[in-house]
Amino acid sequence: MPSIKPWKSGAPLKNPIANSSGQSCWEQCYKRVKEYDEDMCKVLKDEIDKLLIFAGLFSAAVTAFVVESYQWLDGPSDPTPVLLAQLIAIQLNGTSA
């Protein structure tokens, strides 16, 4: 059985990373991570832009509906709730009608 010697700091690596571009492995790693981050930011920016457009269109549609439906609002057609509210107010104040 061959003896396995532990690696010590400063010793050459047993299995070095192949490097044909002349960059260190950390530079290659940084390059790949930077590309991934830039792509992810671009995707998220596009998605947020689409959500903002949708929110603006939805807000415009709801506003148009509210403006049109506001014209339909009027007082209660049945005077009973108004009369009951007045009677309750009179009883609470202790005054007679």
PDB file of N, CA and C in Angstrom:
ATOM      1  N   MET A   1       0.825  -1.177   0.000  1.00  0.00           N
ATOM      2  CA  MET A   1       0.000   0.000   0.000  1.00  0.00           C
ATOM      3  C   MET A   1       0.873   1.246   0.000  1.00  0.00           C
ATOM      4  N   PRO A   2       0.605   2.189  -0.909  1.00  0.00           N
ATOM      5  CA  PRO A   2       1.409   3.409  -0.910  1.00  0.00           C
ATOM      6  C   PRO A   2       0.997   4.309   0.248  1.00  0.00           C
ATOM      7  N   SER A   3       1.935   4.996   0.818  1.00  0.00           N
ATOM      8  CA  SER A   3       1.618   5.914   1.914  1.00  0.00           C
ATOM      9  C   SER A   3       1.120   7.245   1.335  1.00  0.00           C
ATOM     10  N   ILE A   4       0.113   7.798   1.994  1.00  0.00           N
ATOM     11  CA  ILE A   4      -0.484   9.061   1.547  1.00  0.00           C
ATOM     12  C   ILE A   4       0.053  10.161   2.456  1.00  0.00           C
ATOM     13  N   LYS A   5       0.744  11.119   1.857  1.00  0.00           N
ATOM     14  CA  LYS A   5       1.277  12.227   2.628  1.00  0.00           C
ATOM     15  C   LYS A   5       0.260  13.369   2.597  1.00  0.00           C
ATOM     16  N   PRO A   6      -0.005  13.990   3.734  1.00  0.00           N
ATOM     17  CA  PRO A   6      -0.945  15.111   3.750  1.00  0.00           C
ATOM     18  C   PRO A   6      -0.353  16.329   3.033  1.00  0.00           C
ATOM     19  N   TRP A   7      -1.225  17.125   2.462  1.00  0.00           N
ATOM     20  CA  TRP A   7      -0.796  18.330   1.754  1.00  0.00           C
ATOM     21  C   TRP A   7      -0.459  19.396   2.775  1.00  0.00           C
ATOM     22  N   LYS A   8       0.594  20.147   2.537  1.00  0.00           N
ATOM     23  CA  LYS A   8       1.010  21.228   3.431  1.00  0.00           C
ATOM     24  C   LYS A   8       0.919  22.545   2.666  1.00  0.00           C
ATOM     25  N   SER A   9       0.671  23.595   3.425  1.00  0.00           N
ATOM     26  CA  SER A   9       0.566  24.920   2.834  1.00  0.00           C
ATOM     27  C   SER A   9       1.849  25.279   2.097  1.00  0.00           C
ATOM     28  N   GLY A  10       1.712  25.790   0.899  1.00  0.00           N
ATOM     29  CA  GLY A  10       2.853  26.188   0.092  1.00  0.00           C
ATOM     30  C   GLY A  10       3.320  25.101  -0.857  1.00  0.00           C
ATOM     31  N   ALA A  11       2.915  23.859  -0.631  1.00  0.00           N
ATOM     32  CA  ALA A  11       3.310  22.763  -1.506  1.00  0.00           C
ATOM     33  C   ALA A  11       2.476  22.819  -2.782  1.00  0.00           C
ATOM     34  N   PRO A  12       3.000  22.342  -3.893  1.00  0.00           N
ATOM     35  CA  PRO A  12       2.197  22.351  -5.121  1.00  0.00           C
ATOM     36  C   PRO A  12       0.997  21.412  -4.997  1.00  0.00           C
ATOM     37  N   LEU A  13      -0.047  21.742  -5.729  1.00  0.00           N
ATOM     38  CA  LEU A  13      -1.262  20.928  -5.685  1.00  0.00           C
ATOM     39  C   LEU A  13      -1.028  19.597  -6.373  1.00  0.00           C
ATOM     40  N   LYS A  14      -1.667  18.551  -5.855  1.00  0.00           N
ATOM     41  CA  LYS A  14      -1.558  17.233  -6.481  1.00  0.00           C
ATOM     42  C   LYS A  14      -2.319  17.204  -7.796  1.00  0.00           C
ATOM     43  N   ASN A  15      -3.489  17.830  -7.809  1.00  0.00           N
ATOM     44  CA  ASN A  15      -4.332  17.866  -9.007  1.00  0.00           C
ATOM     45  C   ASN A  15      -4.644  19.321  -9.336  1.00  0.00           C
ATOM     46  N   PRO A  16      -3.737  20.042  -9.976  1.00  0.00           N
ATOM     47  CA  PRO A  16      -3.992  21.462 -10.255  1.00  0.00           C
ATOM     48  C   PRO A  16      -5.121  21.624 -11.269  1.00  0.00           C
ATOM     49  N   ILE A  17      -5.794  22.784 -11.191  1.00  0.00           N
ATOM     50  CA  ILE A  17      -6.879  23.103 -12.118  1.00  0.00           C
ATOM     51  C   ILE A  17      -6.273  23.482 -13.459  1.00  0.00           C
ATOM     52  N   ALA A  18      -6.785  22.887 -14.520  1.00  0.00           N
ATOM     53  CA  ALA A  18      -6.276  23.181 -15.863  1.00  0.00           C
ATOM     54  C   ALA A  18      -6.568  24.632 -16.192  1.00  0.00           C
ATOM     55  N   ASN A  19      -5.597  25.316 -16.705  1.00  0.00           N
ATOM     56  CA  ASN A  19      -5.745  26.737 -16.977  1.00  0.00           C
ATOM     57  C   ASN A  19      -5.107  27.044 -18.323  1.00  0.00           C
ATOM     58  N   SER A  20      -5.930  27.097 -19.353  1.00  0.00           N
ATOM     59  CA  SER A  20      -5.397  27.347 -20.691  1.00  0.00           C
ATOM     60  C   SER A  20      -5.470  28.822 -21.065  1.00  0.00           C
ATOM     61  N   SER A  21      -6.250  29.617 -20.321  1.00  0.00           N
ATOM     62  CA  SER A  21      -6.442  31.015 -20.702  1.00  0.00           C
ATOM     63  C   SER A  21      -5.445  31.946 -20.034  1.00  0.00           C
ATOM     64  N   GLY A  22      -4.624  31.471 -19.143  1.00  0.00           N
ATOM     65  CA  GLY A  22      -3.657  32.323 -18.471  1.00  0.00           C
ATOM     66  C   GLY A  22      -4.215  33.035 -17.256  1.00  0.00           C
ATOM     67  N   GLN A  23      -5.498  32.808 -16.929  1.00  0.00           N
ATOM     68  CA  GLN A  23      -6.105  33.418 -15.758  1.00  0.00           C
ATOM     69  C   GLN A  23      -6.041  32.442 -14.589  1.00  0.00           C
ATOM     70  N   SER A  24      -6.029  33.010 -13.399  1.00  0.00           N
ATOM     71  CA  SER A  24      -6.066  32.130 -12.232  1.00  0.00           C
ATOM     72  C   SER A  24      -7.474  31.560 -12.090  1.00  0.00           C
ATOM     73  N   CYS A  25      -7.593  30.518 -11.290  1.00  0.00           N
ATOM     74  CA  CYS A  25      -8.909  29.901 -11.115  1.00  0.00           C
ATOM     75  C   CYS A  25      -9.880  30.875 -10.448  1.00  0.00           C
ATOM     76  N   TRP A  26      -9.376  31.779  -9.594  1.00  0.00           N
ATOM     77  CA  TRP A  26     -10.247  32.756  -8.949  1.00  0.00           C
ATOM     78  C   TRP A  26     -10.753  33.781  -9.948  1.00  0.00           C
ATOM     79  N   GLU A  27      -9.914  34.162 -10.898  1.00  0.00           N
ATOM     80  CA  GLU A  27     -10.362  35.093 -11.930  1.00  0.00           C
ATOM     81  C   GLU A  27     -11.425  34.450 -12.816  1.00  0.00           C
ATOM     82  N   GLN A  28     -11.247  33.181 -13.137  1.00  0.00           N
ATOM     83  CA  GLN A  28     -12.247  32.461 -13.930  1.00  0.00           C
ATOM     84  C   GLN A  28     -13.561  32.343 -13.157  1.00  0.00           C
ATOM     85  N   CYS A  29     -13.454  32.037 -11.882  1.00  0.00           N
ATOM     86  CA  CYS A  29     -14.655  31.920 -11.036  1.00  0.00           C
ATOM     87  C   CYS A  29     -15.380  33.266 -10.960  1.00  0.00           C
ATOM     88  N   TYR A  30     -14.608  34.339 -10.739  1.00  0.00           N
ATOM     89  CA  TYR A  30     -15.199  35.678 -10.665  1.00  0.00           C
ATOM     90  C   TYR A  30     -15.905  36.031 -11.969  1.00  0.00           C
ATOM     91  N   LYS A  31     -15.283  35.698 -13.090  1.00  0.00           N
ATOM     92  CA  LYS A  31     -15.870  36.002 -14.399  1.00  0.00           C
ATOM     93  C   LYS A  31     -17.214  35.286 -14.570  1.00  0.00           C
ATOM     94  N   ARG A  32     -17.248  34.011 -14.213  1.00  0.00           N
ATOM     95  CA  ARG A  32     -18.497  33.248 -14.362  1.00  0.00           C
ATOM     96  C   ARG A  32     -19.580  33.752 -13.417  1.00  0.00           C
ATOM     97  N   VAL A  33     -19.209  34.065 -12.184  1.00  0.00           N
ATOM     98  CA  VAL A  33     -20.193  34.571 -11.214  1.00  0.00           C
ATOM     99  C   VAL A  33     -20.706  35.935 -11.650  1.00  0.00           C
ATOM    100  N   LYS A  34     -19.822  36.786 -12.161  1.00  0.00           N
ATOM    101  CA  LYS A  34     -20.228  38.109 -12.629  1.00  0.00           C
ATOM    102  C   LYS A  34     -21.196  37.994 -13.802  1.00  0.00           C
ATOM    103  N   GLU A  35     -20.924  37.107 -14.737  1.00  0.00           N
ATOM    104  CA  GLU A  35     -21.831  36.902 -15.868  1.00  0.00           C
ATOM    105  C   GLU A  35     -23.199  36.413 -15.387  1.00  0.00           C
ATOM    106  N   TYR A  36     -23.186  35.474 -14.440  1.00  0.00           N
ATOM    107  CA  TYR A  36     -24.453  34.953 -13.905  1.00  0.00           C
ATOM    108  C   TYR A  36     -25.236  36.068 -13.217  1.00  0.00           C
ATOM    109  N   ASP A  37     -24.552  36.879 -12.403  1.00  0.00           N
ATOM    110  CA  ASP A  37     -25.228  37.966 -11.698  1.00  0.00           C
ATOM    111  C   ASP A  37     -25.807  38.985 -12.673  1.00  0.00           C
ATOM    112  N   GLU A  38     -25.047  39.334 -13.705  1.00  0.00           N
ATOM    113  CA  GLU A  38     -25.545  40.298 -14.681  1.00  0.00           C
ATOM    114  C   GLU A  38     -26.765  39.758 -15.416  1.00  0.00           C
ATOM    115  N   ASP A  39     -26.734  38.479 -15.784  1.00  0.00           N
ATOM    116  CA  ASP A  39     -27.894  37.873 -16.445  1.00  0.00           C
ATOM    117  C   ASP A  39     -29.104  37.853 -15.519  1.00  0.00           C
ATOM    118  N   MET A  40     -28.886  37.502 -14.250  1.00  0.00           N
ATOM    119  CA  MET A  40     -29.988  37.442 -13.292  1.00  0.00           C
ATOM    120  C   MET A  40     -30.577  38.834 -13.056  1.00  0.00           C
ATOM    121  N   CYS A  41     -29.736  39.854 -12.943  1.00  0.00           N
ATOM    122  CA  CYS A  41     -30.227  41.221 -12.761  1.00  0.00           C
ATOM    123  C   CYS A  41     -31.034  41.675 -13.971  1.00  0.00           C
ATOM    124  N   LYS A  42     -30.583  41.311 -15.164  1.00  0.00           N
ATOM    125  CA  LYS A  42     -31.310  41.688 -16.375  1.00  0.00           C
ATOM    126  C   LYS A  42     -32.696  41.035 -16.393  1.00  0.00           C
ATOM    127  N   VAL A  43     -32.763  39.754 -16.041  1.00  0.00           N
ATOM    128  CA  VAL A  43     -34.042  39.051 -16.017  1.00  0.00           C
ATOM    129  C   VAL A  43     -34.980  39.678 -14.991  1.00  0.00           C
ATOM    130  N   LEU A  44     -34.466  39.960 -13.797  1.00  0.00           N
ATOM    131  CA  LEU A  44     -35.306  40.548 -12.746  1.00  0.00           C
ATOM    132  C   LEU A  44     -35.767  41.948 -13.128  1.00  0.00           C
ATOM    133  N   LYS A  45     -34.898  42.730 -13.768  1.00  0.00           N
ATOM    134  CA  LYS A  45     -35.279  44.079 -14.198  1.00  0.00           C
ATOM    135  C   LYS A  45     -36.408  44.006 -15.218  1.00  0.00           C
ATOM    136  N   ASP A  46     -36.298  43.092 -16.174  1.00  0.00           N
ATOM    137  CA  ASP A  46     -37.362  42.933 -17.170  1.00  0.00           C
ATOM    138  C   ASP A  46     -38.677  42.521 -16.514  1.00  0.00           C
ATOM    139  N   GLU A  47     -38.591  41.629 -15.533  1.00  0.00           N
ATOM    140  CA  GLU A  47     -39.803  41.180 -14.857  1.00  0.00           C
ATOM    141  C   GLU A  47     -40.460  42.313 -14.068  1.00  0.00           C
ATOM    142  N   ILE A  48     -39.654  43.119 -13.393  1.00  0.00           N
ATOM    143  CA  ILE A  48     -40.206  44.246 -12.634  1.00  0.00           C
ATOM    144  C   ILE A  48     -40.826  45.271 -13.579  1.00  0.00           C
ATOM    145  N   ASP A  49     -40.190  45.516 -14.725  1.00  0.00           N
ATOM    146  CA  ASP A  49     -40.767  46.435 -15.706  1.00  0.00           C
ATOM    147  C   ASP A  49     -42.148  45.959 -16.157  1.00  0.00           C
ATOM    148  N   LYS A  50     -42.272  44.668 -16.409  1.00  0.00           N
ATOM    149  CA  LYS A  50     -43.569  44.121 -16.836  1.00  0.00           C
ATOM    150  C   LYS A  50     -44.603  44.237 -15.723  1.00  0.00           C
ATOM    151  N   LEU A  51     -44.199  44.000 -14.482  1.00  0.00           N
ATOM    152  CA  LEU A  51     -45.138  44.130 -13.364  1.00  0.00           C
ATOM    153  C   LEU A  51     -45.599  45.577 -13.188  1.00  0.00           C
ATOM    154  N   LEU A  52     -44.695  46.536 -13.372  1.00  0.00           N
ATOM    155  CA  LEU A  52     -45.076  47.939 -13.253  1.00  0.00           C
ATOM    156  C   LEU A  52     -46.038  48.347 -14.361  1.00  0.00           C
ATOM    157  N   ILE A  53     -45.825  47.849 -15.562  1.00  0.00           N
ATOM    158  CA  ILE A  53     -46.760  48.136 -16.663  1.00  0.00           C
ATOM    159  C   ILE A  53     -48.130  47.559 -16.351  1.00  0.00           C
ATOM    160  N   PHE A  54     -48.158  46.317 -15.854  1.00  0.00           N
ATOM    161  CA  PHE A  54     -49.436  45.701 -15.502  1.00  0.00           C
ATOM    162  C   PHE A  54     -50.133  46.495 -14.401  1.00  0.00           C
ATOM    163  N   ALA A  55     -49.378  46.912 -13.387  1.00  0.00           N
ATOM    164  CA  ALA A  55     -49.981  47.667 -12.280  1.00  0.00           C
ATOM    165  C   ALA A  55     -50.559  48.991 -12.779  1.00  0.00           C
ATOM    166  N   GLY A  56     -49.868  49.658 -13.684  1.00  0.00           N
ATOM    167  CA  GLY A  56     -50.377  50.913 -14.229  1.00  0.00           C
ATOM    168  C   GLY A  56     -51.651  50.720 -15.031  1.00  0.00           C
ATOM    169  N   LEU A  57     -51.679  49.682 -15.876  1.00  0.00           N
ATOM    170  CA  LEU A  57     -52.894  49.416 -16.661  1.00  0.00           C
ATOM    171  C   LEU A  57     -54.061  49.014 -15.762  1.00  0.00           C
ATOM    172  N   PHE A  58     -53.777  48.207 -14.743  1.00  0.00           N
ATOM    173  CA  PHE A  58     -54.826  47.792 -13.818  1.00  0.00           C
ATOM    174  C   PHE A  58     -55.378  49.002 -13.065  1.00  0.00           C
ATOM    175  N   SER A  59     -54.487  49.881 -12.629  1.00  0.00           N
ATOM    176  CA  SER A  59     -54.917  51.084 -11.922  1.00  0.00           C
ATOM    177  C   SER A  59     -55.784  51.962 -12.817  1.00  0.00           C
ATOM    178  N   ALA A  60     -55.415  52.106 -14.076  1.00  0.00           N
ATOM    179  CA  ALA A  60     -56.215  52.911 -15.001  1.00  0.00           C
ATOM    180  C   ALA A  60     -57.606  52.305 -15.211  1.00  0.00           C
ATOM    181  N   ALA A  61     -57.674  50.984 -15.331  1.00  0.00           N
ATOM    182  CA  ALA A  61     -58.978  50.329 -15.530  1.00  0.00           C
ATOM    183  C   ALA A  61     -59.860  50.488 -14.296  1.00  0.00           C
ATOM    184  N   VAL A  62     -59.289  50.310 -13.125  1.00  0.00           N
ATOM    185  CA  VAL A  62     -60.081  50.445 -11.895  1.00  0.00           C
ATOM    186  C   VAL A  62     -60.535  51.888 -11.721  1.00  0.00           C
ATOM    187  N   THR A  63     -59.670  52.846 -12.024  1.00  0.00           N
ATOM    188  CA  THR A  63     -60.040  54.256 -11.906  1.00  0.00           C
ATOM    189  C   THR A  63     -61.194  54.595 -12.842  1.00  0.00           C
ATOM    190  N   ALA A  64     -61.132  54.109 -14.062  1.00  0.00           N
ATOM    191  CA  ALA A  64     -62.221  54.369 -15.005  1.00  0.00           C
ATOM    192  C   ALA A  64     -63.528  53.765 -14.503  1.00  0.00           C
ATOM    193  N   PHE A  65     -63.465  52.572 -13.948  1.00  0.00           N
ATOM    194  CA  PHE A  65     -64.674  51.942 -13.415  1.00  0.00           C
ATOM    195  C   PHE A  65     -65.231  52.724 -12.234  1.00  0.00           C
ATOM    196  N   VAL A  66     -64.373  53.166 -11.345  1.00  0.00           N
ATOM    197  CA  VAL A  66     -64.827  53.912 -10.162  1.00  0.00           C
ATOM    198  C   VAL A  66     -65.445  55.237 -10.571  1.00  0.00           C
ATOM    199  N   VAL A  67     -64.844  55.925 -11.526  1.00  0.00           N
ATOM    200  CA  VAL A  67     -65.389  57.210 -11.966  1.00  0.00           C
ATOM    201  C   VAL A  67     -66.783  57.021 -12.564  1.00  0.00           C
ATOM    202  N   GLU A  68     -66.956  55.988 -13.378  1.00  0.00           N
ATOM    203  CA  GLU A  68     -68.265  55.755 -13.987  1.00  0.00           C
ATOM    204  C   GLU A  68     -69.290  55.286 -12.962  1.00  0.00           C
ATOM    205  N   SER A  69     -68.881  54.412 -12.050  1.00  0.00           N
ATOM    206  CA  SER A  69     -69.844  53.877 -11.091  1.00  0.00           C
ATOM    207  C   SER A  69     -70.162  54.878  -9.984  1.00  0.00           C
ATOM    208  N   TYR A  70     -69.337  55.908  -9.797  1.00  0.00           N
ATOM    209  CA  TYR A  70     -69.612  56.923  -8.775  1.00  0.00           C
ATOM    210  C   TYR A  70     -70.893  57.682  -9.103  1.00  0.00           C
ATOM    211  N   GLN A  71     -71.207  57.798 -10.389  1.00  0.00           N
ATOM    212  CA  GLN A  71     -72.419  58.512 -10.795  1.00  0.00           C
ATOM    213  C   GLN A  71     -73.685  57.754 -10.397  1.00  0.00           C
ATOM    214  N   TRP A  72     -73.576  56.464 -10.185  1.00  0.00           N
ATOM    215  CA  TRP A  72     -74.750  55.664  -9.821  1.00  0.00           C
ATOM    216  C   TRP A  72     -75.114  55.824  -8.351  1.00  0.00           C
ATOM    217  N   LEU A  73     -74.203  56.362  -7.573  1.00  0.00           N
ATOM    218  CA  LEU A  73     -74.452  56.476  -6.136  1.00  0.00           C
ATOM    219  C   LEU A  73     -75.436  57.600  -5.861  1.00  0.00           C
ATOM    220  N   ASP A  74     -76.387  57.322  -5.016  1.00  0.00           N
ATOM    221  CA  ASP A  74     -77.304  58.345  -4.540  1.00  0.00           C
ATOM    222  C   ASP A  74     -77.750  57.952  -3.141  1.00  0.00           C
ATOM    223  N   GLY A  75     -78.534  58.766  -2.530  1.00  0.00           N
ATOM    224  CA  GLY A  75     -78.986  58.492  -1.172  1.00  0.00           C
ATOM    225  C   GLY A  75     -79.868  57.254  -1.128  1.00  0.00           C
ATOM    226  N   PRO A  76     -80.140  56.783   0.076  1.00  0.00           N
ATOM    227  CA  PRO A  76     -80.997  55.598   0.186  1.00  0.00           C
ATOM    228  C   PRO A  76     -82.410  55.906  -0.308  1.00  0.00           C
ATOM    229  N   SER A  77     -82.983  54.996  -1.081  1.00  0.00           N
ATOM    230  CA  SER A  77     -84.326  55.209  -1.614  1.00  0.00           C
ATOM    231  C   SER A  77     -85.389  54.967  -0.543  1.00  0.00           C
ATOM    232  N   ASP A  78     -85.043  54.171   0.466  1.00  0.00           N
ATOM    233  CA  ASP A  78     -85.969  53.899   1.561  1.00  0.00           C
ATOM    234  C   ASP A  78     -85.605  54.816   2.735  1.00  0.00           C
ATOM    235  N   PRO A  79     -86.531  55.689   3.175  1.00  0.00           N
ATOM    236  CA  PRO A  79     -86.195  56.630   4.257  1.00  0.00           C
ATOM    237  C   PRO A  79     -86.171  55.987   5.654  1.00  0.00           C
ATOM    238  N   THR A  80     -86.493  54.718   5.755  1.00  0.00           N
ATOM    239  CA  THR A  80     -86.573  54.069   7.062  1.00  0.00           C
ATOM    240  C   THR A  80     -85.258  54.129   7.842  1.00  0.00           C
ATOM    241  N   PRO A  81     -84.103  53.773   7.262  1.00  0.00           N
ATOM    242  CA  PRO A  81     -82.864  53.835   8.046  1.00  0.00           C
ATOM    243  C   PRO A  81     -82.546  55.245   8.543  1.00  0.00           C
ATOM    244  N   VAL A  82     -82.863  56.262   7.741  1.00  0.00           N
ATOM    245  CA  VAL A  82     -82.595  57.638   8.150  1.00  0.00           C
ATOM    246  C   VAL A  82     -83.502  58.013   9.315  1.00  0.00           C
ATOM    247  N   LEU A  83     -84.769  57.634   9.230  1.00  0.00           N
ATOM    248  CA  LEU A  83     -85.702  57.945  10.316  1.00  0.00           C
ATOM    249  C   LEU A  83     -85.330  57.213  11.601  1.00  0.00           C
ATOM    250  N   LEU A  84     -84.919  55.952  11.480  1.00  0.00           N
ATOM    251  CA  LEU A  84     -84.511  55.204  12.668  1.00  0.00           C
ATOM    252  C   LEU A  84     -83.275  55.831  13.309  1.00  0.00           C
ATOM    253  N   ALA A  85     -82.332  56.274  12.497  1.00  0.00           N
ATOM    254  CA  ALA A  85     -81.139  56.924  13.034  1.00  0.00           C
ATOM    255  C   ALA A  85     -81.509  58.213  13.753  1.00  0.00           C
ATOM    256  N   GLN A  86     -82.460  58.961  13.217  1.00  0.00           N
ATOM    257  CA  GLN A  86     -82.892  60.191  13.873  1.00  0.00           C
ATOM    258  C   GLN A  86     -83.600  59.890  15.186  1.00  0.00           C
ATOM    259  N   LEU A  87     -84.437  58.865  15.233  1.00  0.00           N
ATOM    260  CA  LEU A  87     -85.137  58.488  16.473  1.00  0.00           C
ATOM    261  C   LEU A  87     -84.140  58.030  17.545  1.00  0.00           C
ATOM    262  N   ILE A  88     -83.155  57.287  17.148  1.00  0.00           N
ATOM    263  CA  ILE A  88     -82.147  56.830  18.110  1.00  0.00           C
ATOM    264  C   ILE A  88     -81.372  58.036  18.653  1.00  0.00           C
ATOM    265  N   ALA A  89     -81.029  58.975  17.790  1.00  0.00           N
ATOM    266  CA  ALA A  89     -80.309  60.173  18.232  1.00  0.00           C
ATOM    267  C   ALA A  89     -81.152  60.992  19.209  1.00  0.00           C
ATOM    268  N   ILE A  90     -82.449  61.089  18.939  1.00  0.00           N
ATOM    269  CA  ILE A  90     -83.330  61.834  19.833  1.00  0.00           C
ATOM    270  C   ILE A  90     -83.424  61.161  21.193  1.00  0.00           C
ATOM    271  N   GLN A  91     -83.542  59.822  21.219  1.00  0.00           N
ATOM    272  CA  GLN A  91     -83.641  59.093  22.482  1.00  0.00           C
ATOM    273  C   GLN A  91     -82.339  59.194  23.280  1.00  0.00           C
ATOM    274  N   LEU A  92     -81.220  59.159  22.605  1.00  0.00           N
ATOM    275  CA  LEU A  92     -79.942  59.261  23.295  1.00  0.00           C
ATOM    276  C   LEU A  92     -79.727  60.659  23.882  1.00  0.00           C
ATOM    277  N   ASN A  93     -80.239  61.676  23.216  1.00  0.00           N
ATOM    278  CA  ASN A  93     -80.075  63.039  23.715  1.00  0.00           C
ATOM    279  C   ASN A  93     -81.097  63.371  24.796  1.00  0.00           C
ATOM    280  N   GLY A  94     -82.140  62.596  24.911  1.00  0.00           N
ATOM    281  CA  GLY A  94     -83.162  62.821  25.920  1.00  0.00           C
ATOM    282  C   GLY A  94     -84.131  63.926  25.557  1.00  0.00           C
ATOM    283  N   THR A  95     -84.178  64.324  24.320  1.00  0.00           N
ATOM    284  CA  THR A  95     -85.120  65.356  23.904  1.00  0.00           C
ATOM    285  C   THR A  95     -86.329  64.682  23.273  1.00  0.00           C
ATOM    286  N   SER A  96     -87.414  65.370  23.268  1.00  0.00           N
ATOM    287  CA  SER A  96     -88.628  64.811  22.665  1.00  0.00           C
ATOM    288  C   SER A  96     -88.878  65.487  21.331  1.00  0.00           C
ATOM    289  N   ALA A  97     -89.496  64.757  20.434  1.00  0.00           N
ATOM    290  CA  ALA A  97     -89.763  65.287  19.106  1.00  0.00           C
ATOM    291  C   ALA A  97     -91.093  65.978  19.090  1.00  0.00           C
TER     292      ALA A  97
END
